[in-house]
Amino acid sequence: MKPTPLDEYPIHQAPLPIARAATSDRHFYDRSYFLAHDRTGDIALITGLGTYPHLGVIDAFALVRRGDVHYSVKFSDALEARGLDQRVGPYRVEVVDPLQRIRLICDATDLGVGFDLTWDGSFPAVLEQSHLMYSGPRVTLDANRFAQLGTWSGRLVVDGTEFDVDPDVWLGSRDRSWGIRPVGESIPAGRPLDDANEGLWWLYVPLRFDDFALIVIVQETPDGYRTLNDATRVFPDGRVEQLGWPRIEISYTSGTRVPTGARLHCTTPDGKPLTVEVESLGGIPLHVGAGYGGDPDWTHGTWHGREWSRADRYDMSDPANAGRVPWGVVDHPARATIDGQVGWGLFEHASIGRHDPSGFRDFGSVAP
């Protein structure tokens, strides 16, 4: 193994060259995620880039929702020496000012999606609680992530139509995570678990208001036991408040598990209630074109050969596509209010299988 350019810098965290991760787990990854929307729900962009050192892969995706149609482009290539250049095919991420300004470029208008966008953080990035998940005794996810709320500027082209991205209108959230996560081709399952998977319940809500940003993360087991609880409020000067143990109420469309919104009952450090009303502006399923959660068309970290790309168009009014929505995590650009203050951000939710607090008995249960 040869040294890489990053080995010139005092950033090592283990007695290893940067090209070698501190764990030998094949599922080690390092990935960014970005959401941009214009507050209307009519158009929104989800995009990101990931590296998978033990799989030898770097890839990126961009998914734009325009009305009922979703446009998806994906790029993948061999991961060479790890360095500061985050680029795959026509897609690249430029760190202009760390933790503050990021430039995203996708020169793929011929495939249906292109952009040159600049992210500016409106609030400091916040390091979230570590996320740990098991399958029986085996660790399936062990990751860290930071999140940030901010604005977008630049241009976006979708199916030949160009949009001016004005930072006074276009807002969003971003995160960067790294660690161990199920990525790449599936590995043999081994002995079946004694306790089969009964479901997944997940909530992730980063929001921005005029004077602060709010980030709430909750994960629960089918019986309602909370395995992840992180609720914080961050101010422009860097102060961070913990907001207790939120009580969550999700509103679903009758006869489905499609959420229309949520009410988050938080508590400030001085014991006062802080209630957040969240409204979905329309969902974007991450497993339909974005490569998350078992997307059958393409998943992160998989090897497709050098200089690979693919473009897909999904009409979400088509029952074949709509029928996939309930079986994964869905990102909703969102409008929110706290005591009359209006905020914007992301309402990410999944409710699959049994979840006793919601009254869902099994995979076929829906809201009354």
Protein backbone atom coordinates (compact mmCIF):
# COMPACT_ATOMS: atom_id res chain seq x y z
CA MET A 1 0.00 0.00 0.00
CA LYS A 2 1.35 3.41 -0.99
CA PRO A 3 0.95 6.70 0.88
CA THR A 4 -1.71 9.06 -0.44
CA PRO A 5 -1.71 12.89 -0.54
CA LEU A 6 -3.77 13.06 2.67
CA ASP A 7 -0.96 11.33 4.54
CA GLU A 8 0.91 14.65 4.29
CA TYR A 9 -1.52 16.21 6.80
CA PRO A 10 -1.75 15.68 10.58
CA ILE A 11 -5.22 14.09 10.40
CA HIS A 12 -4.50 10.42 11.20
CA GLN A 13 -6.73 8.77 13.80
CA ALA A 14 -5.00 5.38 13.89
CA PRO A 15 -1.48 4.01 13.23
CA LEU A 16 -2.48 3.40 9.61
CA PRO A 17 -2.18 5.23 6.28
CA ILE A 18 -5.29 7.19 5.33
CA ALA A 19 -5.99 4.75 2.48
CA ARG A 20 -6.68 2.06 5.08
CA ALA A 21 -9.75 2.46 7.28
CA ALA A 22 -9.39 1.81 11.00
CA THR A 23 -11.86 -1.07 10.65
CA SER A 24 -11.68 -3.98 8.25
CA ASP A 25 -15.47 -4.18 7.97
CA ARG A 26 -16.32 -4.27 4.26
CA HIS A 27 -19.26 -1.95 4.93
CA PHE A 28 -17.13 1.03 5.97
CA TYR A 29 -18.36 4.17 4.15
CA ASP A 30 -18.04 7.97 4.05
CA ARG A 31 -20.97 9.82 2.47
CA SER A 32 -22.62 13.24 2.08
CA TYR A 33 -26.33 14.04 1.64
CA PHE A 34 -27.98 17.28 0.54
CA LEU A 35 -31.61 18.44 0.29
CA ALA A 36 -32.70 21.58 -1.59
CA HIS A 37 -36.28 22.81 -2.07
CA ASP A 38 -38.13 25.99 -2.95
CA ARG A 39 -40.67 25.85 -0.06
CA THR A 40 -43.58 25.01 -2.39
CA GLY A 41 -43.27 21.24 -2.58
CA ASP A 42 -43.41 21.44 -6.39
CA ILE A 43 -39.68 20.90 -6.92
CA ALA A 44 -36.99 19.45 -4.67
CA LEU A 45 -33.53 17.93 -5.06
CA ILE A 46 -31.87 15.15 -3.06
CA THR A 47 -28.25 14.40 -3.90
CA GLY A 48 -25.03 13.03 -2.45
CA LEU A 49 -21.67 11.33 -2.94
CA GLY A 50 -20.20 8.33 -1.15
CA THR A 51 -16.90 6.46 -0.93
CA TYR A 52 -16.52 2.79 0.04
CA PRO A 53 -12.81 2.03 0.56
CA HIS A 54 -13.10 -1.73 1.17
CA LEU A 55 -15.42 -2.12 -1.83
CA GLY A 56 -13.20 0.01 -4.09
CA VAL A 57 -16.15 2.14 -5.19
CA ILE A 58 -17.06 5.82 -5.34
CA ASP A 59 -20.55 6.86 -6.43
CA ALA A 60 -23.00 9.74 -6.50
CA PHE A 61 -26.67 10.34 -7.23
CA ALA A 62 -29.12 13.16 -7.82
CA LEU A 63 -32.91 12.79 -7.60
CA VAL A 64 -35.25 15.66 -8.49
CA ARG A 65 -38.97 15.65 -7.81
CA ARG A 66 -40.93 17.85 -10.15
CA GLY A 67 -44.61 17.34 -9.49
CA ASP A 68 -45.42 13.64 -9.80
CA VAL A 69 -42.32 12.87 -11.84
CA HIS A 70 -38.96 12.00 -10.30
CA TYR A 71 -35.77 12.27 -12.34
CA SER A 72 -32.76 10.25 -11.17
CA VAL A 73 -29.14 10.12 -12.31
CA LYS A 74 -26.42 7.89 -10.84
CA PHE A 75 -22.67 7.68 -11.36
CA SER A 76 -20.13 5.10 -10.19
CA ASP A 77 -16.45 4.36 -10.71
CA ALA A 78 -13.42 2.73 -9.14
CA LEU A 79 -12.17 4.48 -6.00
CA GLU A 80 -8.51 5.29 -6.45
CA ALA A 81 -6.28 6.92 -3.81
CA ARG A 82 -8.41 8.66 -1.19
CA GLY A 83 -7.87 12.41 -1.26
CA LEU A 84 -9.53 15.80 -1.20
CA ASP A 85 -10.95 15.50 -4.72
CA GLN A 86 -14.58 14.34 -4.43
CA ARG A 87 -15.47 13.55 -8.01
CA VAL A 88 -17.13 10.76 -9.97
CA GLY A 89 -17.96 11.16 -13.67
CA PRO A 90 -19.65 14.54 -14.26
CA TYR A 91 -20.44 14.96 -10.55
CA ARG A 92 -18.24 16.66 -7.97
CA VAL A 93 -18.33 18.17 -4.49
CA GLU A 94 -16.06 21.15 -3.76
CA VAL A 95 -15.44 22.19 -0.15
CA VAL A 96 -15.06 25.96 -0.54
CA ASP A 97 -15.13 26.80 3.18
CA PRO A 98 -15.25 23.77 5.51
CA LEU A 99 -18.46 23.49 7.55
CA GLN A 100 -19.83 26.61 5.86
CA ARG A 101 -19.81 26.67 2.04
CA ILE A 102 -20.01 23.71 -0.37
CA ARG A 103 -20.31 23.74 -4.17
CA LEU A 104 -22.06 20.90 -6.00
CA ILE A 105 -21.71 20.41 -9.76
CA CYS A 106 -23.47 17.86 -11.94
CA ASP A 107 -22.75 18.24 -15.67
CA ALA A 108 -25.41 15.76 -16.77
CA THR A 109 -28.18 17.79 -18.38
CA ASP A 110 -28.06 15.28 -21.25
CA LEU A 111 -29.23 12.64 -18.76
CA GLY A 112 -32.05 14.82 -17.42
CA VAL A 113 -30.51 16.50 -14.35
CA GLY A 114 -27.78 19.13 -14.14
CA PHE A 115 -26.80 21.79 -11.62
CA ASP A 116 -24.20 24.17 -10.31
CA LEU A 117 -25.26 24.94 -6.74
CA THR A 118 -23.62 26.53 -3.72
CA TRP A 119 -24.59 25.71 -0.16
CA ASP A 120 -24.18 28.29 2.61
CA GLY A 121 -24.67 27.19 6.19
CA SER A 122 -27.05 29.42 8.13
CA PHE A 123 -26.21 27.79 11.46
CA PRO A 124 -23.20 25.87 12.76
CA ALA A 125 -22.96 22.18 11.91
CA VAL A 126 -24.04 19.93 14.79
CA LEU A 127 -22.53 16.53 15.59
CA GLU A 128 -25.37 14.09 16.24
CA GLN A 129 -25.35 11.21 18.69
CA SER A 130 -23.61 8.07 17.48
CA HIS A 131 -25.95 5.62 15.75
CA LEU A 132 -25.63 1.91 16.53
CA MET A 133 -27.80 -0.95 15.22
CA TYR A 134 -27.59 -4.74 15.51
CA SER A 135 -28.88 -7.79 13.70
CA GLY A 136 -28.78 -10.32 16.52
CA PRO A 137 -25.24 -9.94 17.94
CA ARG A 138 -23.80 -8.53 14.69
CA VAL A 139 -23.29 -4.80 14.28
CA THR A 140 -24.99 -3.61 11.08
CA LEU A 141 -24.64 0.14 11.59
CA ASP A 142 -22.08 2.05 13.66
CA ALA A 143 -21.83 5.61 12.37
CA ASN A 144 -21.36 9.25 13.22
CA ARG A 145 -22.93 12.18 11.41
CA PHE A 146 -23.06 15.97 11.51
CA ALA A 147 -25.99 18.00 10.22
CA GLN A 148 -26.51 21.59 9.14
CA LEU A 149 -29.30 23.88 7.92
CA GLY A 150 -28.70 26.49 5.24
CA THR A 151 -29.53 28.07 1.87
CA TRP A 152 -28.83 27.34 -1.82
CA SER A 153 -27.87 29.49 -4.80
CA GLY A 154 -27.08 28.77 -8.45
CA ARG A 155 -28.91 26.95 -11.22
CA LEU A 156 -30.75 23.66 -11.62
CA VAL A 157 -31.77 22.06 -14.93
CA VAL A 158 -34.43 19.34 -14.97
CA ASP A 159 -35.57 17.67 -18.19
CA GLY A 160 -34.43 20.69 -20.21
CA THR A 161 -36.03 23.33 -17.95
CA GLU A 162 -33.69 25.67 -16.07
CA PHE A 163 -34.49 27.00 -12.59
CA ASP A 164 -32.83 29.97 -10.95
CA VAL A 165 -31.96 28.92 -7.40
CA ASP A 166 -32.35 32.04 -5.25
CA PRO A 167 -30.99 31.78 -1.67
CA ASP A 168 -33.87 33.96 -0.45
CA VAL A 169 -36.20 31.15 -1.53
CA TRP A 170 -34.27 27.87 -1.69
CA LEU A 171 -33.49 26.29 1.67
CA GLY A 172 -32.44 22.85 2.83
CA SER A 173 -30.40 20.60 5.02
CA ARG A 174 -27.27 18.53 4.65
CA ASP A 175 -25.37 15.90 6.55
CA ARG A 176 -22.12 13.99 6.35
CA SER A 177 -21.82 10.54 7.89
CA TRP A 178 -19.14 7.86 8.11
CA GLY A 179 -18.65 4.48 9.73
CA ILE A 180 -20.21 1.07 9.12
CA ARG A 181 -23.49 0.77 7.20
CA PRO A 182 -25.02 -1.92 4.95
CA VAL A 183 -23.68 -0.96 1.51
CA GLY A 184 -22.64 -2.79 -1.63
CA GLU A 185 -23.65 -6.27 -2.69
CA SER A 186 -25.47 -8.43 -0.13
CA ILE A 187 -23.43 -10.89 1.88
CA PRO A 188 -24.64 -14.40 2.81
CA ALA A 189 -27.19 -14.21 5.60
CA GLY A 190 -25.86 -17.10 7.70
CA ARG A 191 -28.05 -18.66 10.38
CA PRO A 192 -31.54 -17.14 10.55
CA LEU A 193 -32.08 -15.01 13.63
CA ASP A 194 -34.15 -16.41 16.47
CA ASP A 195 -36.18 -13.19 16.53
CA ALA A 196 -37.21 -12.15 13.03
CA ASN A 197 -37.25 -8.48 12.05
CA GLU A 198 -40.70 -7.14 12.91
CA GLY A 199 -40.32 -3.64 11.60
CA LEU A 200 -38.60 -0.25 11.46
CA TRP A 201 -39.74 3.05 12.95
CA TRP A 202 -37.54 6.08 12.23
CA LEU A 203 -37.86 9.87 12.43
CA TYR A 204 -35.33 12.53 11.41
CA VAL A 205 -36.39 16.20 11.40
CA PRO A 206 -33.82 18.99 10.81
CA LEU A 207 -35.58 22.39 10.62
CA ARG A 208 -34.49 26.02 10.40
CA PHE A 209 -36.24 29.07 11.78
CA ASP A 210 -35.16 32.71 11.74
CA ASP A 211 -33.28 32.57 15.06
CA PHE A 212 -32.32 28.90 15.49
CA ALA A 213 -32.22 25.46 13.94
CA LEU A 214 -33.77 22.33 15.38
CA ILE A 215 -32.70 18.69 14.86
CA VAL A 216 -34.76 15.78 16.20
CA ILE A 217 -33.80 12.11 15.66
CA VAL A 218 -35.80 9.21 17.08
CA GLN A 219 -35.67 5.47 16.43
CA GLU A 220 -37.86 2.90 18.18
CA THR A 221 -38.21 -0.87 18.23
CA PRO A 222 -41.60 -2.47 17.45
CA ASP A 223 -42.63 -2.32 21.12
CA GLY A 224 -41.80 1.40 21.28
CA TYR A 225 -38.46 1.09 23.09
CA ARG A 226 -36.35 4.08 22.05
CA THR A 227 -32.90 3.09 20.78
CA LEU A 228 -31.91 6.58 19.56
CA ASN A 229 -33.03 9.90 21.01
CA ASP A 230 -31.36 13.17 20.01
CA ALA A 231 -33.17 16.51 20.16
CA THR A 232 -31.18 19.73 19.98
CA ARG A 233 -31.59 23.40 19.16
CA VAL A 234 -28.60 25.30 17.77
CA PHE A 235 -28.20 29.09 17.64
CA PRO A 236 -26.10 31.19 15.23
CA ASP A 237 -23.47 31.82 17.93
CA GLY A 238 -22.91 28.07 18.32
CA ARG A 239 -24.89 27.52 21.52
CA VAL A 240 -26.62 24.13 21.58
CA GLU A 241 -29.60 23.26 23.80
CA GLN A 242 -30.81 19.75 24.49
CA LEU A 243 -34.57 19.39 24.15
CA GLY A 244 -35.24 16.34 26.25
CA TRP A 245 -37.18 13.22 25.30
CA PRO A 246 -39.65 14.31 22.60
CA ARG A 247 -43.11 12.80 22.47
CA ILE A 248 -43.98 12.17 18.82
CA GLU A 249 -47.38 12.25 17.13
CA ILE A 250 -47.47 11.34 13.43
CA SER A 251 -50.54 12.09 11.29
CA TYR A 252 -51.18 9.60 8.48
CA THR A 253 -53.52 9.61 5.52
CA SER A 254 -56.39 7.26 6.36
CA GLY A 255 -55.92 3.75 5.00
CA THR A 256 -52.16 4.22 4.50
CA ARG A 257 -48.94 4.96 6.33
CA VAL A 258 -48.27 8.04 4.22
CA PRO A 259 -47.61 10.83 6.74
CA THR A 260 -49.14 14.27 6.31
CA GLY A 261 -47.25 15.78 9.23
CA ALA A 262 -46.15 15.44 12.81
CA ARG A 263 -46.30 17.12 16.20
CA LEU A 264 -43.08 17.02 18.24
CA HIS A 265 -43.46 17.73 21.95
CA CYS A 266 -40.03 18.83 23.17
CA THR A 267 -38.83 20.37 26.46
CA THR A 268 -36.36 23.25 26.86
CA PRO A 269 -33.56 23.04 29.46
CA ASP A 270 -35.60 25.20 31.87
CA GLY A 271 -38.51 22.73 31.69
CA LYS A 272 -40.79 24.68 29.37
CA PRO A 273 -42.70 22.83 26.64
CA LEU A 274 -41.66 23.43 23.02
CA THR A 275 -44.16 22.09 20.50
CA VAL A 276 -43.19 21.78 16.82
CA GLU A 277 -45.90 21.39 14.17
CA VAL A 278 -44.51 19.82 10.99
CA GLU A 279 -46.30 19.71 7.62
CA SER A 280 -45.22 17.51 4.71
CA LEU A 281 -44.88 19.25 1.34
CA GLY A 282 -44.79 15.89 -0.48
CA GLY A 283 -42.62 12.83 -0.10
CA ILE A 284 -39.54 11.60 -1.96
CA PRO A 285 -38.91 7.88 -1.33
CA LEU A 286 -35.18 7.30 -0.94
CA HIS A 287 -35.54 3.72 -2.20
CA VAL A 288 -37.01 4.77 -5.57
CA GLY A 289 -34.08 6.14 -7.55
CA ALA A 290 -31.75 7.39 -4.78
CA GLY A 291 -30.14 4.06 -3.92
CA TYR A 292 -31.13 3.79 -0.26
CA GLY A 293 -32.82 0.95 1.60
CA GLY A 294 -32.75 -1.83 -0.95
CA ASP A 295 -33.59 0.22 -4.03
CA PRO A 296 -33.90 -2.54 -6.68
CA ASP A 297 -32.66 -0.28 -9.49
CA TRP A 298 -29.37 0.72 -7.88
CA THR A 299 -27.83 0.73 -4.39
CA HIS A 300 -24.85 2.56 -2.93
CA GLY A 301 -21.44 0.94 -3.06
CA THR A 302 -22.26 -1.62 -5.75
CA TRP A 303 -19.75 -2.27 -8.52
CA HIS A 304 -20.92 -1.64 -12.10
CA GLY A 305 -17.57 -1.19 -13.82
CA ARG A 306 -15.58 1.91 -14.57
CA GLU A 307 -17.21 5.20 -15.62
CA TRP A 308 -20.74 3.84 -15.13
CA SER A 309 -23.84 6.03 -15.26
CA ARG A 310 -27.58 5.54 -15.41
CA ALA A 311 -30.65 7.77 -15.71
CA ASP A 312 -34.22 6.89 -14.70
CA ARG A 313 -37.57 8.64 -14.81
CA TYR A 314 -40.30 7.63 -12.34
CA ASP A 315 -43.94 8.64 -12.71
CA MET A 316 -45.10 8.37 -9.11
CA SER A 317 -48.75 8.34 -10.20
CA ASP A 318 -48.03 4.94 -11.77
CA PRO A 319 -49.25 2.26 -9.31
CA ALA A 320 -46.10 0.21 -9.93
CA ASN A 321 -43.96 3.05 -8.56
CA ALA A 322 -46.41 4.25 -5.92
CA GLY A 323 -46.61 0.72 -4.55
CA ARG A 324 -42.92 0.85 -3.61
CA VAL A 325 -43.29 3.94 -1.41
CA PRO A 326 -44.46 2.29 1.87
CA TRP A 327 -41.44 -0.03 2.06
CA GLY A 328 -38.66 2.42 2.80
CA VAL A 329 -37.59 5.76 4.23
CA VAL A 330 -39.33 8.79 2.67
CA ASP A 331 -37.96 12.35 2.75
CA HIS A 332 -40.52 15.14 2.90
CA PRO A 333 -39.54 18.77 2.32
CA ALA A 334 -41.40 20.38 5.19
CA ARG A 335 -42.96 23.52 6.60
CA ALA A 336 -43.00 23.88 10.38
CA THR A 337 -44.25 26.23 13.09
CA ILE A 338 -43.22 26.90 16.69
CA ASP A 339 -45.39 29.40 18.58
CA GLY A 340 -46.33 31.06 15.30
CA GLN A 341 -42.78 31.16 13.91
CA VAL A 342 -42.51 29.54 10.48
CA GLY A 343 -39.61 27.24 9.65
CA TRP A 344 -38.54 24.95 6.83
CA GLY A 345 -36.54 21.78 6.44
CA LEU A 346 -36.82 18.01 6.22
CA PHE A 347 -39.35 15.55 7.67
CA GLU A 348 -37.85 12.07 7.14
CA HIS A 349 -39.92 9.13 8.30
CA ALA A 350 -40.32 5.38 7.96
CA SER A 351 -42.92 3.18 9.60
CA ILE A 352 -42.66 -0.39 8.35
CA GLY A 353 -44.14 -3.40 10.12
CA ARG A 354 -45.15 -3.52 13.76
CA HIS A 355 -45.05 -0.39 15.93
CA ASP A 356 -47.18 -0.68 19.05
CA PRO A 357 -47.32 3.06 19.98
CA SER A 358 -48.76 3.81 16.52
CA GLY A 359 -51.27 0.95 16.67
CA PHE A 360 -49.65 -0.91 13.78
CA ARG A 361 -49.75 -4.65 14.52
CA ASP A 362 -47.85 -5.97 11.49
CA PHE A 363 -46.63 -5.16 7.97
CA GLY A 364 -50.18 -4.93 6.65
CA SER A 365 -51.52 -2.48 9.27
CA VAL A 366 -52.50 1.03 8.16
CA ALA A 367 -53.92 4.16 9.79
CA PRO A 368 -57.68 4.19 10.46
